[in-house]
């Protein structure tokens, strides 16, 4: 299987697991919270942090943006202070009060400005941790491209957006695609589209786009880790795993089954406002996941059944204390299988 390289990290079989801490929108539009999450991610030992970038009027319909939605007051107050809401929203909230919020208010509030992303870039560089984003539209790709990201991520809902795939491919960077809500033919088409436009470094992440804050039997069955085998057999690329719940056992199992990349959401507190917080891992949980991901692969070894040098040393000690009869039995057994 081919390997790919992201930010100097080789990804593929027999390589260290590439671990992505998904900040996503868990920053709630707060630059300070985003920086705190980045610092927490860096301490866990993960490889990279990832954000989500959308051009709001491109991704969402006006009908969707206009829908009434309760938004945490602190998020709206911050958005007004940051100046990221459209004039219509500012006027409405000023006239009617901060309780008269819409889905659009939240979507705009969760998008960082160019200057804020410069601060994010500066923070990541100072900590020596790479960052990139799931870009949901072509304008978002161009926006993030200003920061020379090491890779791009195609989110599961965007897998069939051929124009987005082609535009992302023009940037000449490795591309990671998530396969939630997709069939194998859909994944094949996405890979072919990227390759047609010259993208040679591709990784595919098996993803279950079901959000649950518990790990019951139904959720475990949905995990469907045999899909990793199906993707590995079909595509000559590194295979990874991404899931949306606050348990880490399925991810452990995915690593054991050969996942070269893993991705989990990171939060400071599962009770914070925000749609993804409850399905995220705390820094302590993420650190445990990273520790396991680092320690497990070396335990696989070579697969050869042979006597380890330290086992031989132990056997020498045993032979010194055995009776003549026991020693004779041992030596006879060695001769029989040699």
Protein backbone atom coordinates (compact mmCIF):
# COMPACT_ATOMS: atom_id res chain seq x y z
CA UNK A 1 0.00 0.00 0.00
CA UNK A 2 1.19 3.48 -0.84
CA UNK A 3 2.04 5.98 1.86
CA UNK A 4 1.38 9.70 1.80
CA UNK A 5 3.19 12.53 3.58
CA UNK A 6 1.47 15.37 5.43
CA UNK A 7 3.63 18.02 7.02
CA UNK A 8 6.64 15.73 7.08
CA UNK A 9 4.68 12.86 8.65
CA UNK A 10 4.61 9.65 6.63
CA UNK A 11 1.18 8.01 6.82
CA UNK A 12 0.50 4.37 6.03
CA UNK A 13 1.13 0.82 7.25
CA UNK A 14 3.89 0.43 9.86
CA UNK A 15 4.03 4.21 10.39
CA UNK A 16 3.04 6.12 13.54
CA UNK A 17 -0.71 6.78 13.66
CA UNK A 18 -1.61 10.27 12.40
CA UNK A 19 -3.92 11.71 15.09
CA UNK A 20 -6.23 14.62 14.32
CA UNK A 21 -7.87 16.65 17.08
CA UNK A 22 -11.05 18.04 15.55
CA UNK A 23 -11.58 21.52 16.98
CA UNK A 24 -14.25 22.01 14.33
CA UNK A 25 -16.77 24.50 15.65
CA UNK A 26 -16.23 23.69 19.34
CA UNK A 27 -14.56 27.09 19.68
CA UNK A 28 -18.04 28.71 19.60
CA UNK A 29 -16.66 31.65 17.68
CA UNK A 30 -14.22 32.55 20.45
CA UNK A 31 -10.61 33.02 19.38
CA UNK A 32 -9.44 32.58 22.95
CA UNK A 33 -11.32 29.29 23.29
CA UNK A 34 -9.86 28.16 19.96
CA UNK A 35 -6.35 28.91 21.19
CA UNK A 36 -7.03 27.09 24.45
CA UNK A 37 -8.21 24.06 22.48
CA UNK A 38 -5.09 24.19 20.31
CA UNK A 39 -2.85 24.31 23.37
CA UNK A 40 -4.79 21.43 24.95
CA UNK A 41 -4.47 19.42 21.73
CA UNK A 42 -0.73 20.01 21.58
CA UNK A 43 -0.35 18.69 25.12
CA UNK A 44 -2.22 15.47 24.32
CA UNK A 45 0.41 14.43 21.80
CA UNK A 46 -1.82 14.53 18.72
CA UNK A 47 -0.35 15.24 15.28
CA UNK A 48 -2.64 17.99 14.00
CA UNK A 49 -5.68 20.11 14.78
CA UNK A 50 -8.48 20.64 12.30
CA UNK A 51 -11.09 23.35 11.88
CA UNK A 52 -14.15 23.66 9.66
CA UNK A 53 -14.47 26.48 7.14
CA UNK A 54 -17.66 27.46 5.34
CA UNK A 55 -18.75 30.39 3.21
CA UNK A 56 -22.11 30.76 4.89
CA UNK A 57 -24.28 32.07 1.97
CA UNK A 58 -22.78 29.43 -0.34
CA UNK A 59 -23.28 26.40 1.90
CA UNK A 60 -26.68 27.25 3.43
CA UNK A 61 -29.93 28.31 1.78
CA UNK A 62 -31.56 31.60 2.77
CA UNK A 63 -34.54 29.62 4.05
CA UNK A 64 -32.28 27.62 6.36
CA UNK A 65 -30.44 30.72 7.58
CA UNK A 66 -33.71 32.50 8.35
CA UNK A 67 -35.07 29.74 10.60
CA UNK A 68 -35.51 30.72 14.23
CA UNK A 69 -32.98 29.05 16.49
CA UNK A 70 -32.05 29.56 20.09
CA UNK A 71 -28.39 30.52 20.28
CA UNK A 72 -26.37 30.78 23.46
CA UNK A 73 -26.30 34.44 24.46
CA UNK A 74 -22.53 34.47 24.97
CA UNK A 75 -22.00 33.36 21.36
CA UNK A 76 -24.24 36.13 20.01
CA UNK A 77 -22.69 38.78 22.24
CA UNK A 78 -19.23 37.71 21.08
CA UNK A 79 -20.30 37.74 17.42
CA UNK A 80 -21.67 41.28 17.74
CA UNK A 81 -18.46 42.42 19.39
CA UNK A 82 -16.34 40.74 16.70
CA UNK A 83 -18.41 42.32 13.93
CA UNK A 84 -19.02 39.07 12.03
CA UNK A 85 -22.82 39.23 11.74
CA UNK A 86 -24.50 40.65 8.60
CA UNK A 87 -26.08 44.13 8.90
CA UNK A 88 -29.58 42.62 8.79
CA UNK A 89 -28.80 40.44 11.81
CA UNK A 90 -27.27 43.31 13.78
CA UNK A 91 -30.32 45.48 13.07
CA UNK A 92 -32.79 42.73 14.01
CA UNK A 93 -31.00 41.81 17.22
CA UNK A 94 -30.71 45.47 18.18
CA UNK A 95 -34.43 46.07 17.61
CA UNK A 96 -35.89 42.81 18.91
CA UNK A 97 -33.33 41.67 21.48
CA UNK A 98 -30.64 39.00 21.61
CA UNK A 99 -33.24 36.27 22.16
CA UNK A 100 -34.60 36.66 18.59
CA UNK A 101 -31.87 34.61 17.00
CA UNK A 102 -31.77 32.53 13.83
CA UNK A 103 -29.80 29.63 12.47
CA UNK A 104 -27.93 32.14 10.30
CA UNK A 105 -26.81 34.10 13.36
CA UNK A 106 -25.11 30.98 14.69
CA UNK A 107 -23.54 30.03 11.35
CA UNK A 108 -22.00 33.49 10.93
CA UNK A 109 -20.89 33.58 14.57
CA UNK A 110 -18.93 30.34 14.14
CA UNK A 111 -16.82 31.63 11.25
CA UNK A 112 -13.47 33.22 12.05
CA UNK A 113 -12.20 36.23 10.13
CA UNK A 114 -8.93 36.39 8.21
CA UNK A 115 -7.24 38.17 11.10
CA UNK A 116 -8.52 35.59 13.58
CA UNK A 117 -7.20 32.76 11.43
CA UNK A 118 -3.86 34.53 11.33
CA UNK A 119 -3.85 34.33 15.12
CA UNK A 120 -4.75 30.64 14.94
CA UNK A 121 -1.94 30.04 12.47
CA UNK A 122 0.50 31.91 14.70
CA UNK A 123 -0.61 29.91 17.76
CA UNK A 124 -0.16 26.57 15.99
CA UNK A 125 3.25 27.52 14.64
CA UNK A 126 4.43 28.60 18.08
CA UNK A 127 3.42 25.19 19.46
CA UNK A 128 4.85 23.23 16.54
CA UNK A 129 1.52 21.61 15.67
CA UNK A 130 0.12 21.57 12.15
CA UNK A 131 -3.41 22.65 11.32
CA UNK A 132 -5.76 22.45 8.38
CA UNK A 133 -9.50 22.50 7.74
CA UNK A 134 -12.49 20.78 6.26
CA UNK A 135 -13.50 23.24 3.56
CA UNK A 136 -17.15 22.99 2.54
CA UNK A 137 -16.98 25.12 -0.59
CA UNK A 138 -14.53 26.48 -3.14
CA UNK A 139 -14.28 29.95 -1.59
CA UNK A 140 -13.41 28.32 1.72
CA UNK A 141 -10.61 26.35 0.02
CA UNK A 142 -9.14 29.58 -1.38
CA UNK A 143 -9.46 31.24 2.03
CA UNK A 144 -7.60 28.47 3.87
CA UNK A 145 -5.04 28.20 1.06
CA UNK A 146 -3.65 31.59 2.18
CA UNK A 147 -2.11 29.76 5.13
CA UNK A 148 -0.41 27.04 3.06
CA UNK A 149 -2.03 24.13 4.92
CA UNK A 150 -0.28 20.75 4.79
CA UNK A 151 -3.47 19.03 3.59
CA UNK A 152 -7.17 19.46 2.95
CA UNK A 153 -10.08 17.48 4.34
CA UNK A 154 -13.25 16.71 2.42
CA UNK A 155 -16.12 16.40 4.88
CA UNK A 156 -18.57 13.54 4.43
CA UNK A 157 -21.47 15.73 3.18
CA UNK A 158 -19.17 17.16 0.48
CA UNK A 159 -17.99 13.85 -0.97
CA UNK A 160 -20.20 14.17 -4.05
CA UNK A 161 -19.36 17.83 -4.75
CA UNK A 162 -17.25 17.32 -7.87
CA UNK A 163 -16.50 21.01 -8.29
CA UNK A 164 -15.20 21.19 -4.73
CA UNK A 165 -13.10 18.08 -5.26
CA UNK A 166 -11.63 19.44 -8.49
CA UNK A 167 -10.92 22.84 -6.96
CA UNK A 168 -9.28 21.28 -3.90
CA UNK A 169 -7.13 19.14 -6.19
CA UNK A 170 -5.74 22.25 -7.89
CA UNK A 171 -3.99 23.23 -4.66
CA UNK A 172 -1.56 20.33 -5.02
CA UNK A 173 -1.87 19.15 -1.42
CA UNK A 174 -2.69 15.75 0.08
CA UNK A 175 -6.43 15.25 0.47
CA UNK A 176 -8.19 13.28 3.21
CA UNK A 177 -11.78 12.29 2.48
CA UNK A 178 -14.41 11.11 4.95
CA UNK A 179 -16.95 8.55 3.82
CA UNK A 180 -19.91 9.11 6.16
CA UNK A 181 -23.30 8.86 4.42
CA UNK A 182 -21.60 7.34 1.36
CA UNK A 183 -21.64 4.13 -0.64
CA UNK A 184 -18.56 2.49 -2.10
CA UNK A 185 -19.36 3.74 -5.65
CA UNK A 186 -19.61 7.28 -4.29
CA UNK A 187 -16.18 6.93 -2.70
CA UNK A 188 -14.79 5.47 -5.93
CA UNK A 189 -16.11 8.45 -7.88
CA UNK A 190 -14.59 10.94 -5.43
CA UNK A 191 -11.19 9.26 -5.59
CA UNK A 192 -11.32 9.13 -9.40
CA UNK A 193 -12.27 12.82 -9.56
CA UNK A 194 -9.32 13.82 -7.38
CA UNK A 195 -6.93 11.64 -9.37
CA UNK A 196 -8.17 13.04 -12.69
CA UNK A 197 -7.10 16.47 -11.47
CA UNK A 198 -3.65 15.29 -10.43
CA UNK A 199 -4.05 14.53 -6.74
CA UNK A 200 -1.84 11.55 -6.00
CA UNK A 201 -1.73 11.69 -2.20
CA UNK A 202 -5.13 10.62 -0.91
CA UNK A 203 -6.25 9.07 2.37
CA UNK A 204 -9.72 7.69 3.02
CA UNK A 205 -11.35 7.75 6.44
CA UNK A 206 -14.15 5.36 7.22
CA UNK A 207 -16.69 7.54 8.99
CA UNK A 208 -20.06 6.99 10.64
CA UNK A 209 -22.02 10.24 10.49
CA UNK A 210 -24.24 9.42 13.44
CA UNK A 211 -23.82 11.65 16.46
CA UNK A 212 -24.25 9.89 19.81
CA UNK A 213 -22.99 10.75 23.28
CA UNK A 214 -23.13 7.15 24.44
CA UNK A 215 -21.63 3.91 23.19
CA UNK A 216 -24.52 1.49 23.30
CA UNK A 217 -24.72 -1.73 21.32
CA UNK A 218 -26.55 -0.05 18.42
CA UNK A 219 -23.78 2.53 18.08
CA UNK A 220 -21.09 -0.10 18.29
CA UNK A 221 -22.75 -2.08 15.49
CA UNK A 222 -22.90 1.06 13.34
CA UNK A 223 -19.14 1.42 13.72
CA UNK A 224 -18.73 -1.31 11.08
CA UNK A 225 -14.97 -1.63 11.29
CA UNK A 226 -14.92 -4.24 8.55
CA UNK A 227 -15.44 -1.28 6.23
CA UNK A 228 -11.77 -0.50 6.85
CA UNK A 229 -10.90 -3.80 5.19
CA UNK A 230 -13.21 -3.09 2.25
CA UNK A 231 -11.62 0.32 1.66
CA UNK A 232 -8.10 -1.08 2.04
CA UNK A 233 -8.80 -3.85 -0.46
CA UNK A 234 -10.34 -1.43 -2.98
CA UNK A 235 -7.95 1.51 -2.82
CA UNK A 236 -4.17 1.61 -2.67
CA UNK A 237 -4.15 4.45 -0.13
CA UNK A 238 -3.85 4.89 3.65
CA UNK A 239 -7.10 4.15 5.47
CA UNK A 240 -8.31 5.96 8.59
CA UNK A 241 -11.23 6.20 10.99
CA UNK A 242 -13.41 9.07 12.18
CA UNK A 243 -16.44 8.79 14.44
CA UNK A 244 -18.74 11.15 16.33
CA UNK A 245 -19.25 10.02 19.88
CA UNK A 246 -17.43 10.33 23.17
CA UNK A 247 -16.10 6.80 23.42
CA UNK A 248 -12.60 5.70 22.44
CA UNK A 249 -12.88 1.90 22.31
CA UNK A 250 -14.06 1.83 18.66
CA UNK A 251 -11.10 4.01 17.72
CA UNK A 252 -8.76 1.67 19.61
CA UNK A 253 -10.26 -1.20 17.63
CA UNK A 254 -9.84 0.71 14.36
CA UNK A 255 -6.15 1.19 15.07
CA UNK A 256 -5.85 -2.50 15.86
CA UNK A 257 -7.49 -3.20 12.51
CA UNK A 258 -4.92 -1.06 10.70
CA UNK A 259 -6.24 2.52 10.66
CA UNK A 260 -3.34 4.84 9.81
CA UNK A 261 -5.24 8.06 10.65
CA UNK A 262 -7.74 8.71 13.42
CA UNK A 263 -9.87 11.76 14.13
CA UNK A 264 -11.89 12.71 17.18
CA UNK A 265 -13.56 15.94 18.29
CA UNK A 266 -11.91 17.75 21.20
CA UNK A 267 -13.71 19.83 23.81
CA UNK A 268 -12.78 21.45 27.09
CA UNK A 269 -16.17 20.54 28.56
CA UNK A 270 -18.89 18.32 27.10
CA UNK A 271 -21.53 20.58 28.70
CA UNK A 272 -20.48 23.71 26.77
CA UNK A 273 -22.90 25.27 24.30
CA UNK A 274 -22.54 23.83 20.83
CA UNK A 275 -23.85 20.95 18.75
CA UNK A 276 -20.63 18.88 18.84
CA UNK A 277 -19.46 19.29 22.44
CA UNK A 278 -21.29 16.28 23.91
CA UNK A 279 -19.83 14.00 21.22
CA UNK A 280 -16.25 15.11 21.86
CA UNK A 281 -13.39 13.94 24.04
CA UNK A 282 -11.97 16.00 26.90
CA UNK A 283 -8.21 16.69 26.87
CA UNK A 284 -7.65 13.91 29.42
CA UNK A 285 -9.60 11.42 27.29
CA UNK A 286 -7.81 12.56 24.15
CA UNK A 287 -4.44 12.19 25.83
CA UNK A 288 -5.31 8.60 26.73
CA UNK A 289 -6.36 7.96 23.13
CA UNK A 290 -3.05 9.36 21.87
CA UNK A 291 -1.06 7.27 24.34
CA UNK A 292 -2.80 4.09 23.21
CA UNK A 293 -2.41 5.00 19.54
CA UNK A 294 1.33 5.47 20.01
CA UNK A 295 1.89 2.37 22.13
CA UNK A 296 -0.22 -0.17 20.26
CA UNK A 297 1.47 -0.41 16.80
CA UNK A 298 4.89 -1.52 18.12
CA UNK A 299 3.20 -4.42 19.92
CA UNK A 300 2.31 -5.98 16.55
CA UNK A 301 5.92 -7.01 15.97
CA UNK A 302 7.08 -9.03 12.97
CA UNK A 303 4.56 -11.85 13.22
CA UNK A 304 7.30 -14.47 13.38
CA UNK A 305 6.98 -17.20 16.00
CA UNK A 306 10.48 -17.41 17.44
CA UNK A 307 12.37 -17.23 20.71
CA UNK A 308 13.05 -13.67 21.80
CA UNK A 309 16.66 -13.07 22.98
CA UNK A 310 15.38 -12.13 26.43
CA UNK A 311 13.29 -15.31 26.51
CA UNK A 312 16.46 -17.27 25.79
CA UNK A 313 18.15 -15.54 28.72
CA UNK A 314 15.22 -16.53 30.96
CA UNK A 315 15.46 -20.13 29.75
CA UNK A 316 19.14 -20.25 30.65
CA UNK A 317 18.26 -19.24 34.21
CA UNK A 318 15.58 -21.92 34.36
CA UNK A 319 17.94 -24.61 33.09
CA UNK A 320 20.35 -23.87 35.91
CA UNK A 321 17.73 -24.80 38.52
CA UNK A 322 16.08 -27.74 36.76
CA UNK A 323 16.66 -31.34 37.75
CA UNK A 324 18.59 -33.57 35.37
CA UNK A 325 15.32 -35.26 34.34
CA UNK A 326 13.58 -31.95 33.54
CA UNK A 327 16.63 -30.71 31.64
CA UNK A 328 16.74 -33.90 29.56
CA UNK A 329 13.05 -33.48 28.66
CA UNK A 330 13.68 -29.90 27.54
CA UNK A 331 16.71 -30.78 25.42
CA UNK A 332 14.85 -33.68 23.81
CA UNK A 333 11.99 -31.35 22.91
CA UNK A 334 14.36 -28.88 21.25
CA UNK A 335 15.91 -31.66 19.18
CA UNK A 336 12.50 -32.89 18.00
CA UNK A 337 11.49 -29.50 16.53
CA UNK A 338 14.89 -28.34 15.27
